[in-house]
């Protein structure tokens, strides 16, 4: 019976878990989720504009896909997207357990 009536704070105190560390980890997790969603939304908008350009102005679409400056612009965009993905992967590595 005693085990069931213990509060969460007593549970943390018994195991010597610092509440500041838990709050920090929750804050970091929420911050990373917001950053990831914003980053993926921006990447989607960059990639989705290419087919949209076909319907809006076929001359610009043709220029973007079939000329050297257009291909260069696409290559720069692809490079930035790959760089951003690698930075996201770097940020999302698991937290190492050092003991409490």
PDB file of N, CA and C in Angstrom:
ATOM      1  N   UNK A   1       0.806  -1.197   0.000  1.00  0.00           N
ATOM      2  CA  UNK A   1       0.000   0.000   0.000  1.00  0.00           C
ATOM      3  C   UNK A   1       0.849   1.260   0.000  1.00  0.00           C
ATOM      4  N   UNK A   2       1.942   1.257   0.760  1.00  0.00           N
ATOM      5  CA  UNK A   2       2.768   2.451   0.843  1.00  0.00           C
ATOM      6  C   UNK A   2       3.359   2.823  -0.512  1.00  0.00           C
ATOM      7  N   UNK A   3       3.759   1.831  -1.293  1.00  0.00           N
ATOM      8  CA  UNK A   3       4.377   2.094  -2.587  1.00  0.00           C
ATOM      9  C   UNK A   3       3.407   2.815  -3.525  1.00  0.00           C
ATOM     10  N   UNK A   4       2.125   2.491  -3.462  1.00  0.00           N
ATOM     11  CA  UNK A   4       1.155   3.089  -4.365  1.00  0.00           C
ATOM     12  C   UNK A   4       0.836   4.530  -3.994  1.00  0.00           C
ATOM     13  N   UNK A   5       0.984   4.899  -2.742  1.00  0.00           N
ATOM     14  CA  UNK A   5       0.609   6.227  -2.292  1.00  0.00           C
ATOM     15  C   UNK A   5       1.740   7.251  -2.391  1.00  0.00           C
ATOM     16  N   UNK A   6       2.905   6.828  -2.770  1.00  0.00           N
ATOM     17  CA  UNK A   6       4.012   7.781  -2.880  1.00  0.00           C
ATOM     18  C   UNK A   6       3.781   8.730  -4.031  1.00  0.00           C
ATOM     19  N   UNK A   7       4.190   9.958  -3.852  1.00  0.00           N
ATOM     20  CA  UNK A   7       4.030  10.945  -4.912  1.00  0.00           C
ATOM     21  C   UNK A   7       5.207  10.856  -5.885  1.00  0.00           C
ATOM     22  N   UNK A   8       5.043  11.532  -6.980  1.00  0.00           N
ATOM     23  CA  UNK A   8       6.086  11.565  -8.003  1.00  0.00           C
ATOM     24  C   UNK A   8       7.354  12.212  -7.470  1.00  0.00           C
ATOM     25  N   UNK A   9       7.194  13.255  -6.647  1.00  0.00           N
ATOM     26  CA  UNK A   9       8.354  13.968  -6.113  1.00  0.00           C
ATOM     27  C   UNK A   9       9.134  13.087  -5.141  1.00  0.00           C
ATOM     28  N   UNK A  10       8.430  12.274  -4.364  1.00  0.00           N
ATOM     29  CA  UNK A  10       9.122  11.349  -3.473  1.00  0.00           C
ATOM     30  C   UNK A  10       9.882  10.296  -4.276  1.00  0.00           C
ATOM     31  N   UNK A  11       9.274   9.879  -5.371  1.00  0.00           N
ATOM     32  CA  UNK A  11       9.932   8.921  -6.258  1.00  0.00           C
ATOM     33  C   UNK A  11      11.251   9.505  -6.780  1.00  0.00           C
ATOM     34  N   UNK A  12      11.218  10.775  -7.225  1.00  0.00           N
ATOM     35  CA  UNK A  12      12.428  11.418  -7.729  1.00  0.00           C
ATOM     36  C   UNK A  12      13.469  11.603  -6.633  1.00  0.00           C
ATOM     37  N   UNK A  13      12.998  11.979  -5.453  1.00  0.00           N
ATOM     38  CA  UNK A  13      13.918  12.231  -4.346  1.00  0.00           C
ATOM     39  C   UNK A  13      14.640  10.951  -3.925  1.00  0.00           C
ATOM     40  N   UNK A  14      13.909   9.855  -3.896  1.00  0.00           N
ATOM     41  CA  UNK A  14      14.499   8.584  -3.487  1.00  0.00           C
ATOM     42  C   UNK A  14      15.592   8.144  -4.465  1.00  0.00           C
ATOM     43  N   UNK A  15      15.387   8.396  -5.715  1.00  0.00           N
ATOM     44  CA  UNK A  15      16.362   7.987  -6.729  1.00  0.00           C
ATOM     45  C   UNK A  15      17.385   9.075  -7.033  1.00  0.00           C
ATOM     46  N   UNK A  16      17.339  10.171  -6.307  1.00  0.00           N
ATOM     47  CA  UNK A  16      18.284  11.284  -6.440  1.00  0.00           C
ATOM     48  C   UNK A  16      18.300  11.845  -7.858  1.00  0.00           C
ATOM     49  N   UNK A  17      17.114  12.024  -8.426  1.00  0.00           N
ATOM     50  CA  UNK A  17      16.981  12.589  -9.761  1.00  0.00           C
ATOM     51  C   UNK A  17      16.722  14.074  -9.612  1.00  0.00           C
ATOM     52  N   UNK A  18      17.512  14.876 -10.281  1.00  0.00           N
ATOM     53  CA  UNK A  18      17.377  16.321 -10.208  1.00  0.00           C
ATOM     54  C   UNK A  18      16.239  16.770 -11.122  1.00  0.00           C
ATOM     55  N   UNK A  19      15.267  17.477 -10.568  1.00  0.00           N
ATOM     56  CA  UNK A  19      14.118  17.919 -11.352  1.00  0.00           C
ATOM     57  C   UNK A  19      14.537  18.929 -12.414  1.00  0.00           C
ATOM     58  N   UNK A  20      15.588  19.692 -12.159  1.00  0.00           N
ATOM     59  CA  UNK A  20      16.065  20.651 -13.157  1.00  0.00           C
ATOM     60  C   UNK A  20      16.528  19.952 -14.428  1.00  0.00           C
ATOM     61  N   UNK A  21      17.141  18.806 -14.271  1.00  0.00           N
ATOM     62  CA  UNK A  21      17.604  18.052 -15.434  1.00  0.00           C
ATOM     63  C   UNK A  21      16.417  17.537 -16.245  1.00  0.00           C
ATOM     64  N   UNK A  22      15.377  17.106 -15.576  1.00  0.00           N
ATOM     65  CA  UNK A  22      14.183  16.610 -16.277  1.00  0.00           C
ATOM     66  C   UNK A  22      13.516  17.756 -17.041  1.00  0.00           C
ATOM     67  N   UNK A  23      13.384  18.908 -16.394  1.00  0.00           N
ATOM     68  CA  UNK A  23      12.778  20.063 -17.053  1.00  0.00           C
ATOM     69  C   UNK A  23      13.627  20.487 -18.246  1.00  0.00           C
ATOM     70  N   UNK A  24      14.930  20.461 -18.101  1.00  0.00           N
ATOM     71  CA  UNK A  24      15.829  20.822 -19.198  1.00  0.00           C
ATOM     72  C   UNK A  24      15.651  19.869 -20.377  1.00  0.00           C
ATOM     73  N   UNK A  25      15.580  18.572 -20.119  1.00  0.00           N
ATOM     74  CA  UNK A  25      15.436  17.599 -21.197  1.00  0.00           C
ATOM     75  C   UNK A  25      14.091  17.756 -21.904  1.00  0.00           C
ATOM     76  N   UNK A  26      13.028  18.056 -21.153  1.00  0.00           N
ATOM     77  CA  UNK A  26      11.720  18.282 -21.769  1.00  0.00           C
ATOM     78  C   UNK A  26      11.772  19.525 -22.648  1.00  0.00           C
ATOM     79  N   UNK A  27      12.403  20.581 -22.153  1.00  0.00           N
ATOM     80  CA  UNK A  27      12.521  21.827 -22.918  1.00  0.00           C
ATOM     81  C   UNK A  27      13.300  21.602 -24.209  1.00  0.00           C
ATOM     82  N   UNK A  28      14.416  20.901 -24.127  1.00  0.00           N
ATOM     83  CA  UNK A  28      15.230  20.631 -25.318  1.00  0.00           C
ATOM     84  C   UNK A  28      14.447  19.785 -26.320  1.00  0.00           C
ATOM     85  N   UNK A  29      13.725  18.801 -25.845  1.00  0.00           N
ATOM     86  CA  UNK A  29      12.934  17.943 -26.736  1.00  0.00           C
ATOM     87  C   UNK A  29      11.873  18.756 -27.466  1.00  0.00           C
ATOM     88  N   UNK A  30      11.160  19.601 -26.749  1.00  0.00           N
ATOM     89  CA  UNK A  30      10.128  20.421 -27.388  1.00  0.00           C
ATOM     90  C   UNK A  30      10.741  21.412 -28.376  1.00  0.00           C
ATOM     91  N   UNK A  31      11.865  21.996 -28.023  1.00  0.00           N
ATOM     92  CA  UNK A  31      12.533  22.942 -28.916  1.00  0.00           C
ATOM     93  C   UNK A  31      12.975  22.255 -30.205  1.00  0.00           C
ATOM     94  N   UNK A  32      13.552  21.063 -30.092  1.00  0.00           N
ATOM     95  CA  UNK A  32      14.000  20.341 -31.279  1.00  0.00           C
ATOM     96  C   UNK A  32      12.823  19.933 -32.160  1.00  0.00           C
ATOM     97  N   UNK A  33      11.709  19.549 -31.559  1.00  0.00           N
ATOM     98  CA  UNK A  33      10.528  19.193 -32.345  1.00  0.00           C
ATOM     99  C   UNK A  33      10.040  20.378 -33.164  1.00  0.00           C
ATOM    100  N   UNK A  34      10.032  21.566 -32.559  1.00  0.00           N
ATOM    101  CA  UNK A  34       9.603  22.768 -33.276  1.00  0.00           C
ATOM    102  C   UNK A  34      10.579  23.083 -34.400  1.00  0.00           C
ATOM    103  N   UNK A  35      11.879  23.001 -34.115  1.00  0.00           N
ATOM    104  CA  UNK A  35      12.883  23.295 -35.151  1.00  0.00           C
ATOM    105  C   UNK A  35      12.801  22.314 -36.308  1.00  0.00           C
ATOM    106  N   UNK A  36      12.608  21.022 -35.986  1.00  0.00           N
ATOM    107  CA  UNK A  36      12.535  20.019 -37.043  1.00  0.00           C
ATOM    108  C   UNK A  36      11.321  20.254 -37.924  1.00  0.00           C
ATOM    109  N   UNK A  37      10.185  20.546 -37.320  1.00  0.00           N
ATOM    110  CA  UNK A  37       8.983  20.749 -38.128  1.00  0.00           C
ATOM    111  C   UNK A  37       9.143  21.976 -39.023  1.00  0.00           C
ATOM    112  N   UNK A  38       9.754  23.035 -38.514  1.00  0.00           N
ATOM    113  CA  UNK A  38       9.972  24.217 -39.337  1.00  0.00           C
ATOM    114  C   UNK A  38      10.950  23.925 -40.470  1.00  0.00           C
ATOM    115  N   UNK A  39      12.000  23.195 -40.177  1.00  0.00           N
ATOM    116  CA  UNK A  39      12.999  22.891 -41.205  1.00  0.00           C
ATOM    117  C   UNK A  39      12.394  22.022 -42.310  1.00  0.00           C
ATOM    118  N   UNK A  40      11.642  20.996 -41.930  1.00  0.00           N
ATOM    119  CA  UNK A  40      11.043  20.122 -42.938  1.00  0.00           C
ATOM    120  C   UNK A  40       9.976  20.858 -43.751  1.00  0.00           C
ATOM    121  N   UNK A  41       9.263  21.779 -43.126  1.00  0.00           N
ATOM    122  CA  UNK A  41       8.277  22.571 -43.858  1.00  0.00           C
ATOM    123  C   UNK A  41       8.966  23.443 -44.901  1.00  0.00           C
ATOM    124  N   UNK A  42      10.062  24.074 -44.525  1.00  0.00           N
ATOM    125  CA  UNK A  42      10.782  24.920 -45.489  1.00  0.00           C
ATOM    126  C   UNK A  42      11.360  24.087 -46.631  1.00  0.00           C
ATOM    127  N   UNK A  43      11.887  22.903 -46.328  1.00  0.00           N
ATOM    128  CA  UNK A  43      12.412  22.039 -47.389  1.00  0.00           C
ATOM    129  C   UNK A  43      11.298  21.613 -48.342  1.00  0.00           C
ATOM    130  N   UNK A  44      10.136  21.301 -47.778  1.00  0.00           N
ATOM    131  CA  UNK A  44       9.000  20.927 -48.625  1.00  0.00           C
ATOM    132  C   UNK A  44       8.596  22.083 -49.538  1.00  0.00           C
ATOM    133  N   UNK A  45       8.581  23.297 -49.004  1.00  0.00           N
ATOM    134  CA  UNK A  45       8.197  24.451 -49.818  1.00  0.00           C
ATOM    135  C   UNK A  45       9.184  24.692 -50.955  1.00  0.00           C
ATOM    136  N   UNK A  46      10.463  24.507 -50.697  1.00  0.00           N
ATOM    137  CA  UNK A  46      11.468  24.699 -51.756  1.00  0.00           C
ATOM    138  C   UNK A  46      11.275  23.667 -52.863  1.00  0.00           C
ATOM    139  N   UNK A  47      11.078  22.411 -52.482  1.00  0.00           N
ATOM    140  CA  UNK A  47      10.943  21.348 -53.484  1.00  0.00           C
ATOM    141  C   UNK A  47       9.595  21.432 -54.190  1.00  0.00           C
ATOM    142  N   UNK A  48       8.537  21.793 -53.474  1.00  0.00           N
ATOM    143  CA  UNK A  48       7.199  21.839 -54.071  1.00  0.00           C
ATOM    144  C   UNK A  48       7.035  23.001 -55.050  1.00  0.00           C
ATOM    145  N   UNK A  49       7.884  24.003 -54.970  1.00  0.00           N
ATOM    146  CA  UNK A  49       7.777  25.129 -55.899  1.00  0.00           C
ATOM    147  C   UNK A  49       8.201  24.771 -57.318  1.00  0.00           C
ATOM    148  N   UNK A  50       8.982  23.732 -57.468  1.00  0.00           N
ATOM    149  CA  UNK A  50       9.454  23.367 -58.817  1.00  0.00           C
ATOM    150  C   UNK A  50       8.294  22.892 -59.703  1.00  0.00           C
ATOM    151  N   UNK A  51       7.490  21.910 -59.270  1.00  0.00           N
ATOM    152  CA  UNK A  51       6.349  21.540 -60.128  1.00  0.00           C
ATOM    153  C   UNK A  51       5.290  22.641 -60.213  1.00  0.00           C
ATOM    154  N   UNK A  52       5.159  23.439 -59.164  1.00  0.00           N
ATOM    155  CA  UNK A  52       4.204  24.545 -59.192  1.00  0.00           C
ATOM    156  C   UNK A  52       4.586  25.565 -60.259  1.00  0.00           C
ATOM    157  N   UNK A  53       5.873  25.723 -60.453  1.00  0.00           N
ATOM    158  CA  UNK A  53       6.368  26.657 -61.458  1.00  0.00           C
ATOM    159  C   UNK A  53       5.927  26.241 -62.860  1.00  0.00           C
ATOM    160  N   UNK A  54       5.777  24.957 -63.086  1.00  0.00           N
ATOM    161  CA  UNK A  54       5.334  24.459 -64.390  1.00  0.00           C
ATOM    162  C   UNK A  54       3.944  24.994 -64.728  1.00  0.00           C
ATOM    163  N   UNK A  55       3.055  25.004 -63.740  1.00  0.00           N
ATOM    164  CA  UNK A  55       1.690  25.449 -63.990  1.00  0.00           C
ATOM    165  C   UNK A  55       1.574  26.972 -64.029  1.00  0.00           C
ATOM    166  N   UNK A  56       2.450  27.668 -63.314  1.00  0.00           N
ATOM    167  CA  UNK A  56       2.371  29.123 -63.276  1.00  0.00           C
ATOM    168  C   UNK A  56       3.002  29.779 -64.496  1.00  0.00           C
ATOM    169  N   UNK A  57       4.199  29.314 -64.851  1.00  0.00           N
ATOM    170  CA  UNK A  57       4.916  29.927 -65.967  1.00  0.00           C
ATOM    171  C   UNK A  57       5.848  28.885 -66.576  1.00  0.00           C
ATOM    172  N   UNK A  58       5.448  28.326 -67.713  1.00  0.00           N
ATOM    173  CA  UNK A  58       6.210  27.234 -68.328  1.00  0.00           C
ATOM    174  C   UNK A  58       7.580  27.689 -68.830  1.00  0.00           C
ATOM    175  N   UNK A  59       7.715  28.949 -69.190  1.00  0.00           N
ATOM    176  CA  UNK A  59       9.023  29.446 -69.635  1.00  0.00           C
ATOM    177  C   UNK A  59      10.027  29.447 -68.485  1.00  0.00           C
ATOM    178  N   UNK A  60       9.593  29.863 -67.306  1.00  0.00           N
ATOM    179  CA  UNK A  60      10.488  29.855 -66.145  1.00  0.00           C
ATOM    180  C   UNK A  60      10.848  28.430 -65.747  1.00  0.00           C
ATOM    181  N   UNK A  61       9.857  27.537 -65.831  1.00  0.00           N
ATOM    182  CA  UNK A  61      10.120  26.125 -65.528  1.00  0.00           C
ATOM    183  C   UNK A  61      11.160  25.566 -66.488  1.00  0.00           C
ATOM    184  N   UNK A  62      10.994  25.872 -67.770  1.00  0.00           N
ATOM    185  CA  UNK A  62      11.956  25.411 -68.776  1.00  0.00           C
ATOM    186  C   UNK A  62      13.349  25.997 -68.505  1.00  0.00           C
ATOM    187  N   UNK A  63      13.397  27.262 -68.134  1.00  0.00           N
ATOM    188  CA  UNK A  63      14.676  27.907 -67.828  1.00  0.00           C
ATOM    189  C   UNK A  63      15.329  27.270 -66.608  1.00  0.00           C
ATOM    190  N   UNK A  64      14.528  26.966 -65.614  1.00  0.00           N
ATOM    191  CA  UNK A  64      15.065  26.382 -64.384  1.00  0.00           C
ATOM    192  C   UNK A  64      15.635  24.990 -64.620  1.00  0.00           C
ATOM    193  N   UNK A  65      14.968  24.184 -65.425  1.00  0.00           N
ATOM    194  CA  UNK A  65      15.398  22.792 -65.594  1.00  0.00           C
ATOM    195  C   UNK A  65      16.379  22.554 -66.728  1.00  0.00           C
ATOM    196  N   UNK A  66      16.360  23.396 -67.743  1.00  0.00           N
ATOM    197  CA  UNK A  66      17.119  23.055 -68.941  1.00  0.00           C
ATOM    198  C   UNK A  66      18.240  24.029 -69.299  1.00  0.00           C
ATOM    199  N   UNK A  67      18.512  25.014 -68.460  1.00  0.00           N
ATOM    200  CA  UNK A  67      19.636  25.916 -68.733  1.00  0.00           C
ATOM    201  C   UNK A  67      20.670  25.752 -67.618  1.00  0.00           C
ATOM    202  N   UNK A  68      21.881  26.171 -67.912  1.00  0.00           N
ATOM    203  CA  UNK A  68      22.973  26.040 -66.937  1.00  0.00           C
ATOM    204  C   UNK A  68      22.731  26.856 -65.664  1.00  0.00           C
ATOM    205  N   UNK A  69      22.315  28.125 -65.760  1.00  0.00           N
ATOM    206  CA  UNK A  69      22.050  28.855 -64.507  1.00  0.00           C
ATOM    207  C   UNK A  69      20.924  28.230 -63.678  1.00  0.00           C
ATOM    208  N   UNK A  70      19.898  27.712 -64.354  1.00  0.00           N
ATOM    209  CA  UNK A  70      18.805  27.059 -63.637  1.00  0.00           C
ATOM    210  C   UNK A  70      19.264  25.795 -62.935  1.00  0.00           C
ATOM    211  N   UNK A  71      20.080  25.003 -63.630  1.00  0.00           N
ATOM    212  CA  UNK A  71      20.616  23.787 -63.011  1.00  0.00           C
ATOM    213  C   UNK A  71      21.539  24.126 -61.849  1.00  0.00           C
ATOM    214  N   UNK A  72      22.285  25.213 -61.997  1.00  0.00           N
ATOM    215  CA  UNK A  72      23.148  25.662 -60.904  1.00  0.00           C
ATOM    216  C   UNK A  72      22.312  26.064 -59.682  1.00  0.00           C
ATOM    217  N   UNK A  73      21.209  26.773 -59.914  1.00  0.00           N
ATOM    218  CA  UNK A  73      20.323  27.157 -58.811  1.00  0.00           C
ATOM    219  C   UNK A  73      19.726  25.923 -58.126  1.00  0.00           C
ATOM    220  N   UNK A  74      19.328  24.937 -58.916  1.00  0.00           N
ATOM    221  CA  UNK A  74      18.797  23.696 -58.336  1.00  0.00           C
ATOM    222  C   UNK A  74      19.868  22.949 -57.546  1.00  0.00           C
ATOM    223  N   UNK A  75      21.090  22.957 -58.048  1.00  0.00           N
ATOM    224  CA  UNK A  75      22.180  22.285 -57.346  1.00  0.00           C
ATOM    225  C   UNK A  75      22.476  22.975 -56.016  1.00  0.00           C
ATOM    226  N   UNK A  76      22.445  24.301 -56.009  1.00  0.00           N
ATOM    227  CA  UNK A  76      22.666  25.043 -54.758  1.00  0.00           C
ATOM    228  C   UNK A  76      21.556  24.723 -53.757  1.00  0.00           C
ATOM    229  N   UNK A  77      20.315  24.714 -54.223  1.00  0.00           N
ATOM    230  CA  UNK A  77      19.184  24.380 -53.332  1.00  0.00           C
ATOM    231  C   UNK A  77      19.316  22.962 -52.791  1.00  0.00           C
ATOM    232  N   UNK A  78      19.693  22.022 -53.644  1.00  0.00           N
ATOM    233  CA  UNK A  78      19.859  20.638 -53.196  1.00  0.00           C
ATOM    234  C   UNK A  78      20.998  20.531 -52.186  1.00  0.00           C
ATOM    235  N   UNK A  79      22.085  21.264 -52.423  1.00  0.00           N
ATOM    236  CA  UNK A  79      23.204  21.255 -51.477  1.00  0.00           C
ATOM    237  C   UNK A  79      22.804  21.813 -50.120  1.00  0.00           C
ATOM    238  N   UNK A  80      22.041  22.885 -50.125  1.00  0.00           N
ATOM    239  CA  UNK A  80      21.589  23.476 -48.859  1.00  0.00           C
ATOM    240  C   UNK A  80      20.650  22.530 -48.129  1.00  0.00           C
ATOM    241  N   UNK A  81      19.770  21.854 -48.858  1.00  0.00           N
ATOM    242  CA  UNK A  81      18.858  20.898 -48.226  1.00  0.00           C
ATOM    243  C   UNK A  81      19.641  19.744 -47.617  1.00  0.00           C
ATOM    244  N   UNK A  82      20.630  19.226 -48.323  1.00  0.00           N
ATOM    245  CA  UNK A  82      21.435  18.125 -47.775  1.00  0.00           C
ATOM    246  C   UNK A  82      22.228  18.581 -46.548  1.00  0.00           C
ATOM    247  N   UNK A  83      22.765  19.797 -46.596  1.00  0.00           N
ATOM    248  CA  UNK A  83      23.481  20.325 -45.445  1.00  0.00           C
ATOM    249  C   UNK A  83      22.547  20.472 -44.245  1.00  0.00           C
ATOM    250  N   UNK A  84      21.349  20.990 -44.485  1.00  0.00           N
ATOM    251  CA  UNK A  84      20.379  21.152 -43.397  1.00  0.00           C
ATOM    252  C   UNK A  84      19.983  19.801 -42.810  1.00  0.00           C
ATOM    253  N   UNK A  85      19.798  18.802 -43.664  1.00  0.00           N
ATOM    254  CA  UNK A  85      19.467  17.460 -43.166  1.00  0.00           C
ATOM    255  C   UNK A  85      20.595  16.886 -42.318  1.00  0.00           C
ATOM    256  N   UNK A  86      21.829  17.111 -42.727  1.00  0.00           N
ATOM    257  CA  UNK A  86      22.950  16.593 -41.942  1.00  0.00           C
ATOM    258  C   UNK A  86      23.041  17.299 -40.584  1.00  0.00           C
ATOM    259  N   UNK A  87      22.733  18.590 -40.549  1.00  0.00           N
ATOM    260  CA  UNK A  87      22.733  19.308 -39.269  1.00  0.00           C
ATOM    261  C   UNK A  87      21.591  18.837 -38.363  1.00  0.00           C
ATOM    262  N   UNK A  88      20.447  18.510 -38.973  1.00  0.00           N
ATOM    263  CA  UNK A  88      19.326  17.985 -38.188  1.00  0.00           C
ATOM    264  C   UNK A  88      19.695  16.629 -37.601  1.00  0.00           C
ATOM    265  N   UNK A  89      20.346  15.794 -38.383  1.00  0.00           N
ATOM    266  CA  UNK A  89      20.775  14.481 -37.885  1.00  0.00           C
ATOM    267  C   UNK A  89      21.772  14.650 -36.744  1.00  0.00           C
ATOM    268  N   UNK A  90      22.639  15.626 -36.861  1.00  0.00           N
ATOM    269  CA  UNK A  90      23.625  15.885 -35.809  1.00  0.00           C
ATOM    270  C   UNK A  90      22.942  16.339 -34.525  1.00  0.00           C
ATOM    271  N   UNK A  91      21.909  17.170 -34.647  1.00  0.00           N
ATOM    272  CA  UNK A  91      21.194  17.656 -33.467  1.00  0.00           C
ATOM    273  C   UNK A  91      20.355  16.579 -32.800  1.00  0.00           C
ATOM    274  N   UNK A  92      19.905  15.606 -33.568  1.00  0.00           N
ATOM    275  CA  UNK A  92      18.980  14.623 -33.020  1.00  0.00           C
ATOM    276  C   UNK A  92      19.661  13.358 -32.514  1.00  0.00           C
ATOM    277  N   UNK A  93      20.968  13.391 -32.315  1.00  0.00           N
ATOM    278  CA  UNK A  93      21.634  12.206 -31.783  1.00  0.00           C
ATOM    279  C   UNK A  93      21.173  11.973 -30.334  1.00  0.00           C
ATOM    280  N   UNK A  94      21.141  10.749 -29.879  1.00  0.00           N
ATOM    281  CA  UNK A  94      20.626  10.468 -28.538  1.00  0.00           C
ATOM    282  C   UNK A  94      21.513  11.071 -27.453  1.00  0.00           C
ATOM    283  N   UNK A  95      20.887  11.413 -26.348  1.00  0.00           N
ATOM    284  CA  UNK A  95      21.613  11.940 -25.204  1.00  0.00           C
ATOM    285  C   UNK A  95      22.315  10.780 -24.510  1.00  0.00           C
ATOM    286  N   UNK A  96      23.590  10.960 -24.208  1.00  0.00           N
ATOM    287  CA  UNK A  96      24.343   9.903 -23.547  1.00  0.00           C
ATOM    288  C   UNK A  96      23.999   9.860 -22.060  1.00  0.00           C
ATOM    289  N   UNK A  97      23.834   8.680 -21.548  1.00  0.00           N
ATOM    290  CA  UNK A  97      23.492   8.510 -20.141  1.00  0.00           C
ATOM    291  C   UNK A  97      24.769   8.531 -19.325  1.00  0.00           C
ATOM    292  N   UNK A  98      24.882   9.485 -18.404  1.00  0.00           N
ATOM    293  CA  UNK A  98      26.063   9.601 -17.565  1.00  0.00           C
ATOM    294  C   UNK A  98      25.765   9.212 -16.123  1.00  0.00           C
ATOM    295  N   UNK A  99      24.575   8.830 -15.852  1.00  0.00           N
ATOM    296  CA  UNK A  99      24.187   8.513 -14.489  1.00  0.00           C
ATOM    297  C   UNK A  99      23.636   9.753 -13.794  1.00  0.00           C
ATOM    298  N   UNK A 100      22.798   9.550 -12.844  1.00  0.00           N
ATOM    299  CA  UNK A 100      22.147  10.664 -12.170  1.00  0.00           C
ATOM    300  C   UNK A 100      22.834  10.829 -10.834  1.00  0.00           C
TER     301      UNK A 100
END
